[in-house]
Protein backbone atom coordinates (compact mmCIF):
# COMPACT_ATOMS: atom_id res chain seq x y z
CA UNK A 1 14.41 9.57 -20.26
CA UNK A 2 12.37 12.75 -20.78
CA UNK A 3 14.80 14.42 -18.15
CA UNK A 4 14.22 12.27 -15.50
CA UNK A 5 17.33 11.56 -13.39
CA UNK A 6 18.44 7.70 -13.16
CA UNK A 7 17.92 8.23 -9.09
CA UNK A 8 14.27 9.31 -10.08
CA UNK A 9 13.67 6.49 -12.79
CA UNK A 10 14.66 4.14 -9.68
CA UNK A 11 12.67 5.77 -7.82
CA UNK A 12 9.29 5.43 -10.07
CA UNK A 13 10.35 1.67 -10.20
CA UNK A 14 10.42 1.10 -6.64
CA UNK A 15 7.09 2.55 -6.39
CA UNK A 16 5.53 0.62 -9.50
CA UNK A 17 6.90 -2.67 -8.05
CA UNK A 18 5.77 -1.72 -4.41
CA UNK A 19 2.06 -1.33 -6.10
CA UNK A 20 2.82 -4.72 -7.86
CA UNK A 21 3.31 -6.63 -4.76
CA UNK A 22 0.31 -4.74 -2.84
CA UNK A 23 -1.71 -6.48 -5.62
CA UNK A 24 -0.71 -9.99 -4.84
CA UNK A 25 -1.65 -9.47 -0.87
CA UNK A 26 -4.85 -11.38 -0.15
CA UNK A 27 -6.78 -11.39 2.78
CA UNK A 28 -8.57 -13.94 5.04
CA UNK A 29 -10.74 -14.19 7.89
CA UNK A 30 -8.89 -15.43 10.62
CA UNK A 31 -10.01 -19.10 11.92
CA UNK A 32 -13.01 -18.44 14.47
CA UNK A 33 -13.52 -14.67 13.73
CA UNK A 34 -15.47 -13.61 10.61
CA UNK A 35 -15.68 -10.09 11.93
CA UNK A 36 -11.57 -9.79 10.70
CA UNK A 37 -9.23 -10.08 8.58
CA UNK A 38 -5.59 -11.27 8.25
CA UNK A 39 -3.06 -11.54 5.41
CA UNK A 40 -3.06 -15.13 3.92
CA UNK A 41 0.27 -16.38 5.02
CA UNK A 42 1.35 -17.57 1.28
CA UNK A 43 1.20 -13.51 0.15
CA UNK A 44 3.26 -12.38 3.45
CA UNK A 45 6.32 -12.62 1.29
CA UNK A 46 4.36 -9.78 -0.89
CA UNK A 47 3.68 -7.72 2.10
CA UNK A 48 7.19 -8.00 3.02
CA UNK A 49 8.70 -7.30 -0.06
CA UNK A 50 6.15 -3.93 -0.50
CA UNK A 51 7.20 -2.37 3.22
CA UNK A 52 10.95 -3.11 2.23
CA UNK A 53 10.44 -0.66 -1.05
CA UNK A 54 7.81 1.75 0.95
CA UNK A 55 10.24 1.57 3.58
CA UNK A 56 7.94 0.90 6.40
CA UNK A 57 7.47 -1.85 8.83
CA UNK A 58 6.16 -4.73 7.74
CA UNK A 59 3.80 -5.19 10.48
CA UNK A 60 2.75 -1.42 10.56
CA UNK A 61 1.93 -2.16 6.82
CA UNK A 62 -0.45 -5.26 7.97
CA UNK A 63 -1.97 -3.29 10.89
CA UNK A 64 -3.33 -0.42 8.21
CA UNK A 65 -4.42 -2.60 5.85
CA UNK A 66 -6.83 -4.26 8.10
CA UNK A 67 -7.65 -2.27 11.11
CA UNK A 68 -9.52 0.92 11.22
CA UNK A 69 -8.05 3.22 13.44
CA UNK A 70 -10.73 5.55 14.78
CA UNK A 71 -9.75 8.83 16.73
CA UNK A 72 -12.06 10.89 19.05
CA UNK A 73 -11.38 13.43 21.68
CA UNK A 74 -8.73 11.68 23.88
CA UNK A 75 -9.28 8.03 22.69
CA UNK A 76 -8.11 6.36 19.96
CA UNK A 77 -10.19 3.20 18.78
CA UNK A 78 -9.29 0.03 16.40
CA UNK A 79 -11.45 -1.80 14.56
CA UNK A 80 -10.72 -4.99 12.64
CA UNK A 81 -11.70 -4.85 9.22
CA UNK A 82 -14.04 -7.60 7.58
CA UNK A 83 -12.28 -8.98 4.46
CA UNK A 84 -13.85 -7.19 1.76
CA UNK A 85 -13.19 -4.14 3.63
CA UNK A 86 -9.27 -4.37 4.09
CA UNK A 87 -9.41 -5.38 -0.02
CA UNK A 88 -10.55 -2.18 -0.59
CA UNK A 89 -7.79 -0.42 2.00
CA UNK A 90 -4.99 -2.13 -0.25
CA UNK A 91 -6.47 -1.37 -3.71
CA UNK A 92 -7.04 1.98 -2.06
CA UNK A 93 -3.40 2.58 -1.25
CA UNK A 94 -2.20 1.17 -4.11
CA UNK A 95 -4.27 3.71 -6.61
CA UNK A 96 -3.31 6.25 -4.36
CA UNK A 97 0.71 5.27 -4.40
CA UNK A 98 0.16 4.63 -8.45
CA UNK A 99 -2.02 8.02 -8.96
CA UNK A 100 0.49 10.13 -7.18
CA UNK A 101 3.51 8.39 -9.05
CA UNK A 102 1.91 9.12 -12.32
CA UNK A 103 1.06 12.71 -11.61
CA UNK A 104 4.59 12.92 -10.76
CA UNK A 105 5.85 11.86 -13.88
CA UNK A 106 3.87 13.83 -16.35
CA UNK A 107 4.65 16.97 -14.03
CA UNK A 108 8.39 16.22 -14.45
CA UNK A 109 7.63 15.45 -18.39
CA UNK A 110 5.92 18.55 -18.52
CA UNK A 111 9.01 20.57 -17.12
CA UNK A 112 11.34 18.71 -19.63
CA UNK A 113 9.20 19.93 -22.56
CA UNK A 114 7.72 23.05 -21.54
């Protein structure tokens, strides 16, 4: 366990599970709108599980993955992402979560041996 408490181990497992669930989320263009994306219905349980693990609202997570929010002075614009852009956003989120987790595990391991 290299000095990582049981509580921290559970947190690590939760982040890994969230990353795996996110990897199962796929997107498609809504009917009649090829300029947007939405979570494929069969992937909704994976999105819900990832959101629960990350302790965020499922709809908010879906929106973050499929809509770009642009803030300017005093205004907020929302632009739907294309399917490939939603895929890239999902992958970026998964990489960020896993990368942060990896750095934390390395840091804790170095603390325990150094």
